[in-house]
Amino acid sequence: MKGTDHRAQLSRLRRIEGQVRGIAAMIEADRYCLDILTQLQAVRAALARVERDVLDGHVGHCVAAAVSAGPAEQAIKLDELTALLKRAMR
């Protein structure tokens, strides 16, 4: 289902992309391991924020629309969320 506005996440992802390029440059420059690890943790945390925002948008828009659409659409969205959570728990 389309309709969720992801412009804020796209902006964050572009910043993360720059951070990842910076990490690659740190590795090429043979920077101190803990400095690299600190930046990797920052990227992971930033990606987690994007993931939470996308999930919030999905629940707020797509799942909410499915609730209004009826039981068949509700079941589809619940199955999608369940599969997502199972993948995340591996």
PDB file of N, CA and C in Angstrom:
ATOM      1  N   MET A   1       0.852  -1.171   0.000  1.00  0.00           N
ATOM      2  CA  MET A   1       0.000   0.000   0.000  1.00  0.00           C
ATOM      3  C   MET A   1       0.896   1.231   0.000  1.00  0.00           C
ATOM      4  N   LYS A   2       0.620   2.148  -0.871  1.00  0.00           N
ATOM      5  CA  LYS A   2       1.405   3.373  -0.993  1.00  0.00           C
ATOM      6  C   LYS A   2       0.739   4.487  -0.198  1.00  0.00           C
ATOM      7  N   GLY A   3       1.441   5.574  -0.060  1.00  0.00           N
ATOM      8  CA  GLY A   3       0.842   6.743   0.555  1.00  0.00           C
ATOM      9  C   GLY A   3       1.625   7.295   1.725  1.00  0.00           C
ATOM     10  N   THR A   4       2.479   6.502   2.342  1.00  0.00           N
ATOM     11  CA  THR A   4       3.277   6.984   3.455  1.00  0.00           C
ATOM     12  C   THR A   4       4.386   7.880   2.911  1.00  0.00           C
ATOM     13  N   ASP A   5       4.581   9.021   3.537  1.00  0.00           N
ATOM     14  CA  ASP A   5       5.601   9.978   3.107  1.00  0.00           C
ATOM     15  C   ASP A   5       6.933   9.609   3.760  1.00  0.00           C
ATOM     16  N   HIS A   6       7.896   9.235   2.942  1.00  0.00           N
ATOM     17  CA  HIS A   6       9.200   8.785   3.452  1.00  0.00           C
ATOM     18  C   HIS A   6      10.309   9.806   3.208  1.00  0.00           C
ATOM     19  N   ARG A   7       9.948  11.063   2.940  1.00  0.00           N
ATOM     20  CA  ARG A   7      10.990  12.057   2.638  1.00  0.00           C
ATOM     21  C   ARG A   7      11.961  12.247   3.793  1.00  0.00           C
ATOM     22  N   ALA A   8      11.473  12.240   5.019  1.00  0.00           N
ATOM     23  CA  ALA A   8      12.365  12.420   6.176  1.00  0.00           C
ATOM     24  C   ALA A   8      13.338  11.252   6.285  1.00  0.00           C
ATOM     25  N   GLN A   9      12.834  10.044   6.041  1.00  0.00           N
ATOM     26  CA  GLN A   9      13.715   8.880   6.095  1.00  0.00           C
ATOM     27  C   GLN A   9      14.743   8.920   4.969  1.00  0.00           C
ATOM     28  N   LEU A  10      14.333   9.383   3.807  1.00  0.00           N
ATOM     29  CA  LEU A  10      15.262   9.485   2.682  1.00  0.00           C
ATOM     30  C   LEU A  10      16.392  10.453   3.008  1.00  0.00           C
ATOM     31  N   SER A  11      16.056  11.555   3.647  1.00  0.00           N
ATOM     32  CA  SER A  11      17.075  12.519   4.056  1.00  0.00           C
ATOM     33  C   SER A  11      18.045  11.888   5.053  1.00  0.00           C
ATOM     34  N   ARG A  12      17.510  11.170   6.015  1.00  0.00           N
ATOM     35  CA  ARG A  12      18.376  10.488   6.993  1.00  0.00           C
ATOM     36  C   ARG A  12      19.251   9.439   6.323  1.00  0.00           C
ATOM     37  N   LEU A  13      18.679   8.696   5.395  1.00  0.00           N
ATOM     38  CA  LEU A  13      19.456   7.663   4.709  1.00  0.00           C
ATOM     39  C   LEU A  13      20.609   8.283   3.910  1.00  0.00           C
ATOM     40  N   ARG A  14      20.383   9.435   3.355  1.00  0.00           N
ATOM     41  CA  ARG A  14      21.477  10.106   2.627  1.00  0.00           C
ATOM     42  C   ARG A  14      22.590  10.514   3.579  1.00  0.00           C
ATOM     43  N   ARG A  15      22.218  10.958   4.786  1.00  0.00           N
ATOM     44  CA  ARG A  15      23.249  11.279   5.785  1.00  0.00           C
ATOM     45  C   ARG A  15      23.988  10.012   6.202  1.00  0.00           C
ATOM     46  N   ILE A  16      23.255   8.930   6.380  1.00  0.00           N
ATOM     47  CA  ILE A  16      23.877   7.651   6.752  1.00  0.00           C
ATOM     48  C   ILE A  16      24.826   7.200   5.655  1.00  0.00           C
ATOM     49  N   GLU A  17      24.413   7.379   4.418  1.00  0.00           N
ATOM     50  CA  GLU A  17      25.267   7.024   3.287  1.00  0.00           C
ATOM     51  C   GLU A  17      26.598   7.774   3.373  1.00  0.00           C
ATOM     52  N   GLY A  18      26.535   9.046   3.730  1.00  0.00           N
ATOM     53  CA  GLY A  18      27.753   9.832   3.907  1.00  0.00           C
ATOM     54  C   GLY A  18      28.596   9.314   5.061  1.00  0.00           C
ATOM     55  N   GLN A  19      27.919   8.907   6.143  1.00  0.00           N
ATOM     56  CA  GLN A  19      28.652   8.340   7.282  1.00  0.00           C
ATOM     57  C   GLN A  19      29.376   7.061   6.872  1.00  0.00           C
ATOM     58  N   VAL A  20      28.711   6.216   6.087  1.00  0.00           N
ATOM     59  CA  VAL A  20      29.324   4.952   5.658  1.00  0.00           C
ATOM     60  C   VAL A  20      30.531   5.241   4.764  1.00  0.00           C
ATOM     61  N   ARG A  21      30.409   6.208   3.875  1.00  0.00           N
ATOM     62  CA  ARG A  21      31.574   6.587   3.058  1.00  0.00           C
ATOM     63  C   ARG A  21      32.704   7.083   3.945  1.00  0.00           C
ATOM     64  N   GLY A  22      32.355   7.823   4.998  1.00  0.00           N
ATOM     65  CA  GLY A  22      33.367   8.291   5.936  1.00  0.00           C
ATOM     66  C   GLY A  22      34.055   7.141   6.654  1.00  0.00           C
ATOM     67  N   ILE A  23      33.301   6.124   6.999  1.00  0.00           N
ATOM     68  CA  ILE A  23      33.876   4.948   7.657  1.00  0.00           C
ATOM     69  C   ILE A  23      34.833   4.237   6.698  1.00  0.00           C
ATOM     70  N   ALA A  24      34.428   4.119   5.447  1.00  0.00           N
ATOM     71  CA  ALA A  24      35.313   3.498   4.454  1.00  0.00           C
ATOM     72  C   ALA A  24      36.621   4.284   4.348  1.00  0.00           C
ATOM     73  N   ALA A  25      36.523   5.605   4.369  1.00  0.00           N
ATOM     74  CA  ALA A  25      37.733   6.440   4.315  1.00  0.00           C
ATOM     75  C   ALA A  25      38.581   6.239   5.566  1.00  0.00           C
ATOM     76  N   MET A  26      37.926   6.081   6.713  1.00  0.00           N
ATOM     77  CA  MET A  26      38.671   5.826   7.955  1.00  0.00           C
ATOM     78  C   MET A  26      39.448   4.516   7.854  1.00  0.00           C
ATOM     79  N   ILE A  27      38.811   3.513   7.288  1.00  0.00           N
ATOM     80  CA  ILE A  27      39.467   2.205   7.148  1.00  0.00           C
ATOM     81  C   ILE A  27      40.634   2.318   6.166  1.00  0.00           C
ATOM     82  N   GLU A  28      40.399   3.020   5.053  1.00  0.00           N
ATOM     83  CA  GLU A  28      41.473   3.208   4.078  1.00  0.00           C
ATOM     84  C   GLU A  28      42.653   3.963   4.694  1.00  0.00           C
ATOM     85  N   ALA A  29      42.356   4.885   5.609  1.00  0.00           N
ATOM     86  CA  ALA A  29      43.409   5.678   6.251  1.00  0.00           C
ATOM     87  C   ALA A  29      44.010   4.964   7.456  1.00  0.00           C
ATOM     88  N   ASP A  30      43.548   3.738   7.693  1.00  0.00           N
ATOM     89  CA  ASP A  30      44.054   2.923   8.803  1.00  0.00           C
ATOM     90  C   ASP A  30      43.866   3.626  10.154  1.00  0.00           C
ATOM     91  N   ARG A  31      42.667   4.189  10.343  1.00  0.00           N
ATOM     92  CA  ARG A  31      42.350   4.880  11.589  1.00  0.00           C
ATOM     93  C   ARG A  31      42.221   3.880  12.730  1.00  0.00           C
ATOM     94  N   TYR A  32      42.247   4.393  13.929  1.00  0.00           N
ATOM     95  CA  TYR A  32      42.173   3.599  15.153  1.00  0.00           C
ATOM     96  C   TYR A  32      40.857   2.810  15.183  1.00  0.00           C
ATOM     97  N   CYS A  33      40.975   1.533  15.513  1.00  0.00           N
ATOM     98  CA  CYS A  33      39.826   0.614  15.474  1.00  0.00           C
ATOM     99  C   CYS A  33      38.634   1.114  16.287  1.00  0.00           C
ATOM    100  N   LEU A  34      38.887   1.641  17.478  1.00  0.00           N
ATOM    101  CA  LEU A  34      37.772   2.094  18.314  1.00  0.00           C
ATOM    102  C   LEU A  34      37.051   3.282  17.694  1.00  0.00           C
ATOM    103  N   ASP A  35      37.770   4.132  16.976  1.00  0.00           N
ATOM    104  CA  ASP A  35      37.123   5.244  16.273  1.00  0.00           C
ATOM    105  C   ASP A  35      36.198   4.711  15.176  1.00  0.00           C
ATOM    106  N   ILE A  36      36.678   3.707  14.457  1.00  0.00           N
ATOM    107  CA  ILE A  36      35.860   3.084  13.408  1.00  0.00           C
ATOM    108  C   ILE A  36      34.640   2.414  14.030  1.00  0.00           C
ATOM    109  N   LEU A  37      34.845   1.677  15.100  1.00  0.00           N
ATOM    110  CA  LEU A  37      33.728   0.998  15.767  1.00  0.00           C
ATOM    111  C   LEU A  37      32.695   1.989  16.295  1.00  0.00           C
ATOM    112  N   THR A  38      33.158   3.107  16.804  1.00  0.00           N
ATOM    113  CA  THR A  38      32.237   4.141  17.283  1.00  0.00           C
ATOM    114  C   THR A  38      31.362   4.650  16.141  1.00  0.00           C
ATOM    115  N   GLN A  39      31.965   4.874  14.991  1.00  0.00           N
ATOM    116  CA  GLN A  39      31.198   5.337  13.828  1.00  0.00           C
ATOM    117  C   GLN A  39      30.237   4.261  13.319  1.00  0.00           C
ATOM    118  N   LEU A  40      30.670   3.011  13.359  1.00  0.00           N
ATOM    119  CA  LEU A  40      29.781   1.916  12.964  1.00  0.00           C
ATOM    120  C   LEU A  40      28.559   1.839  13.880  1.00  0.00           C
ATOM    121  N   GLN A  41      28.781   2.033  15.183  1.00  0.00           N
ATOM    122  CA  GLN A  41      27.659   2.039  16.122  1.00  0.00           C
ATOM    123  C   GLN A  41      26.708   3.191  15.821  1.00  0.00           C
ATOM    124  N   ALA A  42      27.256   4.332  15.463  1.00  0.00           N
ATOM    125  CA  ALA A  42      26.424   5.494  15.138  1.00  0.00           C
ATOM    126  C   ALA A  42      25.562   5.221  13.903  1.00  0.00           C
ATOM    127  N   VAL A  43      26.152   4.577  12.908  1.00  0.00           N
ATOM    128  CA  VAL A  43      25.400   4.231  11.698  1.00  0.00           C
ATOM    129  C   VAL A  43      24.303   3.233  12.028  1.00  0.00           C
ATOM    130  N   ARG A  44      24.630   2.233  12.826  1.00  0.00           N
ATOM    131  CA  ARG A  44      23.627   1.235  13.211  1.00  0.00           C
ATOM    132  C   ARG A  44      22.464   1.887  13.963  1.00  0.00           C
ATOM    133  N   ALA A  45      22.778   2.812  14.864  1.00  0.00           N
ATOM    134  CA  ALA A  45      21.729   3.511  15.619  1.00  0.00           C
ATOM    135  C   ALA A  45      20.882   4.378  14.680  1.00  0.00           C
ATOM    136  N   ALA A  46      21.520   5.032  13.729  1.00  0.00           N
ATOM    137  CA  ALA A  46      20.780   5.868  12.776  1.00  0.00           C
ATOM    138  C   ALA A  46      19.861   5.015  11.907  1.00  0.00           C
ATOM    139  N   LEU A  47      20.340   3.864  11.467  1.00  0.00           N
ATOM    140  CA  LEU A  47      19.496   2.955  10.689  1.00  0.00           C
ATOM    141  C   LEU A  47      18.324   2.451  11.521  1.00  0.00           C
ATOM    142  N   ALA A  48      18.562   2.185  12.787  1.00  0.00           N
ATOM    143  CA  ALA A  48      17.477   1.732  13.670  1.00  0.00           C
ATOM    144  C   ALA A  48      16.406   2.817  13.795  1.00  0.00           C
ATOM    145  N   ARG A  49      16.823   4.077  13.852  1.00  0.00           N
ATOM    146  CA  ARG A  49      15.843   5.178  13.911  1.00  0.00           C
ATOM    147  C   ARG A  49      15.018   5.237  12.631  1.00  0.00           C
ATOM    148  N   VAL A  50      15.670   5.069  11.499  1.00  0.00           N
ATOM    149  CA  VAL A  50      14.940   5.060  10.222  1.00  0.00           C
ATOM    150  C   VAL A  50      13.969   3.888  10.208  1.00  0.00           C
ATOM    151  N   GLU A  51      14.431   2.736  10.651  1.00  0.00           N
ATOM    152  CA  GLU A  51      13.569   1.549  10.683  1.00  0.00           C
ATOM    153  C   GLU A  51      12.338   1.797  11.551  1.00  0.00           C
ATOM    154  N   ARG A  52      12.533   2.387  12.730  1.00  0.00           N
ATOM    155  CA  ARG A  52      11.398   2.685  13.614  1.00  0.00           C
ATOM    156  C   ARG A  52      10.439   3.669  12.962  1.00  0.00           C
ATOM    157  N   ASP A  53      10.974   4.677  12.302  1.00  0.00           N
ATOM    158  CA  ASP A  53      10.119   5.666  11.652  1.00  0.00           C
ATOM    159  C   ASP A  53       9.303   5.043  10.521  1.00  0.00           C
ATOM    160  N   VAL A  54       9.940   4.194   9.726  1.00  0.00           N
ATOM    161  CA  VAL A  54       9.219   3.528   8.636  1.00  0.00           C
ATOM    162  C   VAL A  54       8.142   2.614   9.214  1.00  0.00           C
ATOM    163  N   LEU A  55       8.466   1.886  10.271  1.00  0.00           N
ATOM    164  CA  LEU A  55       7.477   1.018  10.905  1.00  0.00           C
ATOM    165  C   LEU A  55       6.321   1.836  11.473  1.00  0.00           C
ATOM    166  N   ASP A  56       6.626   2.942  12.138  1.00  0.00           N
ATOM    167  CA  ASP A  56       5.574   3.814  12.666  1.00  0.00           C
ATOM    168  C   ASP A  56       4.664   4.305  11.541  1.00  0.00           C
ATOM    169  N   GLY A  57       5.262   4.700  10.438  1.00  0.00           N
ATOM    170  CA  GLY A  57       4.474   5.153   9.293  1.00  0.00           C
ATOM    171  C   GLY A  57       3.613   4.049   8.721  1.00  0.00           C
ATOM    172  N   HIS A  58       4.182   2.861   8.658  1.00  0.00           N
ATOM    173  CA  HIS A  58       3.437   1.713   8.130  1.00  0.00           C
ATOM    174  C   HIS A  58       2.232   1.415   9.016  1.00  0.00           C
ATOM    175  N   VAL A  59       2.460   1.368  10.303  1.00  0.00           N
ATOM    176  CA  VAL A  59       1.354   1.083  11.223  1.00  0.00           C
ATOM    177  C   VAL A  59       0.334   2.225  11.184  1.00  0.00           C
ATOM    178  N   GLY A  60       0.823   3.447  11.193  1.00  0.00           N
ATOM    179  CA  GLY A  60      -0.073   4.595  11.227  1.00  0.00           C
ATOM    180  C   GLY A  60      -0.877   4.795   9.957  1.00  0.00           C
ATOM    181  N   HIS A  61      -0.336   4.370   8.830  1.00  0.00           N
ATOM    182  CA  HIS A  61      -1.030   4.585   7.569  1.00  0.00           C
ATOM    183  C   HIS A  61      -1.556   3.280   6.973  1.00  0.00           C
ATOM    184  N   CYS A  62      -0.654   2.376   6.666  1.00  0.00           N
ATOM    185  CA  CYS A  62      -1.038   1.151   5.950  1.00  0.00           C
ATOM    186  C   CYS A  62      -1.893   0.216   6.805  1.00  0.00           C
ATOM    187  N   VAL A  63      -1.458  -0.019   8.027  1.00  0.00           N
ATOM    188  CA  VAL A  63      -2.221  -0.916   8.900  1.00  0.00           C
ATOM    189  C   VAL A  63      -3.537  -0.260   9.301  1.00  0.00           C
ATOM    190  N   ALA A  64      -3.494   1.038   9.576  1.00  0.00           N
ATOM    191  CA  ALA A  64      -4.734   1.746   9.927  1.00  0.00           C
ATOM    192  C   ALA A  64      -5.735   1.673   8.776  1.00  0.00           C
ATOM    193  N   ALA A  65      -5.262   1.797   7.545  1.00  0.00           N
ATOM    194  CA  ALA A  65      -6.149   1.685   6.383  1.00  0.00           C
ATOM    195  C   ALA A  65      -6.712   0.270   6.270  1.00  0.00           C
ATOM    196  N   ALA A  66      -5.896  -0.720   6.598  1.00  0.00           N
ATOM    197  CA  ALA A  66      -6.360  -2.110   6.542  1.00  0.00           C
ATOM    198  C   ALA A  66      -7.451  -2.365   7.571  1.00  0.00           C
ATOM    199  N   VAL A  67      -7.345  -1.734   8.726  1.00  0.00           N
ATOM    200  CA  VAL A  67      -8.375  -1.889   9.758  1.00  0.00           C
ATOM    201  C   VAL A  67      -9.716  -1.397   9.218  1.00  0.00           C
ATOM    202  N   SER A  68      -9.677  -0.301   8.481  1.00  0.00           N
ATOM    203  CA  SER A  68     -10.903   0.237   7.894  1.00  0.00           C
ATOM    204  C   SER A  68     -11.402  -0.607   6.728  1.00  0.00           C
ATOM    205  N   ALA A  69     -10.494  -1.304   6.063  1.00  0.00           N
ATOM    206  CA  ALA A  69     -10.852  -2.061   4.859  1.00  0.00           C
ATOM    207  C   ALA A  69     -11.569  -3.366   5.161  1.00  0.00           C
ATOM    208  N   GLY A  70     -11.372  -3.898   6.334  1.00  0.00           N
ATOM    209  CA  GLY A  70     -12.075  -5.129   6.679  1.00  0.00           C
ATOM    210  C   GLY A  70     -11.152  -6.276   7.023  1.00  0.00           C
ATOM    211  N   PRO A  71     -11.751  -7.396   7.423  1.00  0.00           N
ATOM    212  CA  PRO A  71     -10.986  -8.536   7.947  1.00  0.00           C
ATOM    213  C   PRO A  71      -9.949  -9.120   6.990  1.00  0.00           C
ATOM    214  N   ALA A  72     -10.238  -9.192   5.724  1.00  0.00           N
ATOM    215  CA  ALA A  72      -9.278  -9.799   4.786  1.00  0.00           C
ATOM    216  C   ALA A  72      -7.999  -8.967   4.721  1.00  0.00           C
ATOM    217  N   GLU A  73      -8.151  -7.657   4.593  1.00  0.00           N
ATOM    218  CA  GLU A  73      -6.977  -6.770   4.530  1.00  0.00           C
ATOM    219  C   GLU A  73      -6.251  -6.741   5.867  1.00  0.00           C
ATOM    220  N   GLN A  74      -6.999  -6.799   6.966  1.00  0.00           N
ATOM    221  CA  GLN A  74      -6.392  -6.849   8.301  1.00  0.00           C
ATOM    222  C   GLN A  74      -5.507  -8.080   8.432  1.00  0.00           C
ATOM    223  N   ALA A  75      -6.001  -9.214   7.973  1.00  0.00           N
ATOM    224  CA  ALA A  75      -5.232 -10.464   8.065  1.00  0.00           C
ATOM    225  C   ALA A  75      -3.944 -10.373   7.261  1.00  0.00           C
ATOM    226  N   ILE A  76      -4.017  -9.765   6.093  1.00  0.00           N
ATOM    227  CA  ILE A  76      -2.817  -9.611   5.257  1.00  0.00           C
ATOM    228  C   ILE A  76      -1.773  -8.772   5.992  1.00  0.00           C
ATOM    229  N   LYS A  77      -2.193  -7.627   6.543  1.00  0.00           N
ATOM    230  CA  LYS A  77      -1.250  -6.746   7.231  1.00  0.00           C
ATOM    231  C   LYS A  77      -0.687  -7.402   8.488  1.00  0.00           C
ATOM    232  N   LEU A  78      -1.499  -8.132   9.217  1.00  0.00           N
ATOM    233  CA  LEU A  78      -0.995  -8.835  10.406  1.00  0.00           C
ATOM    234  C   LEU A  78       0.009  -9.914  10.014  1.00  0.00           C
ATOM    235  N   ASP A  79      -0.269 -10.634   8.926  1.00  0.00           N
ATOM    236  CA  ASP A  79       0.684 -11.644   8.444  1.00  0.00           C
ATOM    237  C   ASP A  79       2.006 -10.998   8.038  1.00  0.00           C
ATOM    238  N   GLU A  80       1.942  -9.842   7.369  1.00  0.00           N
ATOM    239  CA  GLU A  80       3.159  -9.133   6.974  1.00  0.00           C
ATOM    240  C   GLU A  80       3.974  -8.716   8.195  1.00  0.00           C
ATOM    241  N   LEU A  81       3.300  -8.150   9.194  1.00  0.00           N
ATOM    242  CA  LEU A  81       4.008  -7.718  10.403  1.00  0.00           C
ATOM    243  C   LEU A  81       4.596  -8.898  11.163  1.00  0.00           C
ATOM    244  N   THR A  82       3.851  -9.986  11.228  1.00  0.00           N
ATOM    245  CA  THR A  82       4.345 -11.185  11.904  1.00  0.00           C
ATOM    246  C   THR A  82       5.601 -11.719  11.207  1.00  0.00           C
ATOM    247  N   ALA A  83       5.570 -11.778   9.885  1.00  0.00           N
ATOM    248  CA  ALA A  83       6.739 -12.244   9.141  1.00  0.00           C
ATOM    249  C   ALA A  83       7.932 -11.326   9.356  1.00  0.00           C
ATOM    250  N   LEU A  84       7.688 -10.020   9.385  1.00  0.00           N
ATOM    251  CA  LEU A  84       8.762  -9.057   9.638  1.00  0.00           C
ATOM    252  C   LEU A  84       9.377  -9.279  11.004  1.00  0.00           C
ATOM    253  N   LEU A  85       8.553  -9.454  12.004  1.00  0.00           N
ATOM    254  CA  LEU A  85       9.061  -9.674  13.374  1.00  0.00           C
ATOM    255  C   LEU A  85       9.831 -10.991  13.477  1.00  0.00           C
ATOM    256  N   LYS A  86       9.360 -12.018  12.802  1.00  0.00           N
ATOM    257  CA  LYS A  86      10.073 -13.305  12.823  1.00  0.00           C
ATOM    258  C   LYS A  86      11.453 -13.160  12.198  1.00  0.00           C
ATOM    259  N   ARG A  87      11.546 -12.419  11.100  1.00  0.00           N
ATOM    260  CA  ARG A  87      12.859 -12.191  10.454  1.00  0.00           C
ATOM    261  C   ARG A  87      13.781 -11.410  11.377  1.00  0.00           C
ATOM    262  N   ALA A  88      13.225 -10.456  12.084  1.00  0.00           N
ATOM    263  CA  ALA A  88      14.023  -9.629  12.991  1.00  0.00           C
ATOM    264  C   ALA A  88      14.536 -10.419  14.193  1.00  0.00           C
ATOM    265  N   MET A  89      13.844 -11.481  14.561  1.00  0.00           N
ATOM    266  CA  MET A  89      14.206 -12.259  15.748  1.00  0.00           C
ATOM    267  C   MET A  89      15.222 -13.356  15.444  1.00  0.00           C
ATOM    268  N   ARG A  90      15.607 -13.526  14.214  1.00  0.00           N
ATOM    269  CA  ARG A  90      16.574 -14.584  13.875  1.00  0.00           C
ATOM    270  C   ARG A  90      17.926 -14.276  14.434  1.00  0.00           C
TER     271      ARG A  90
END
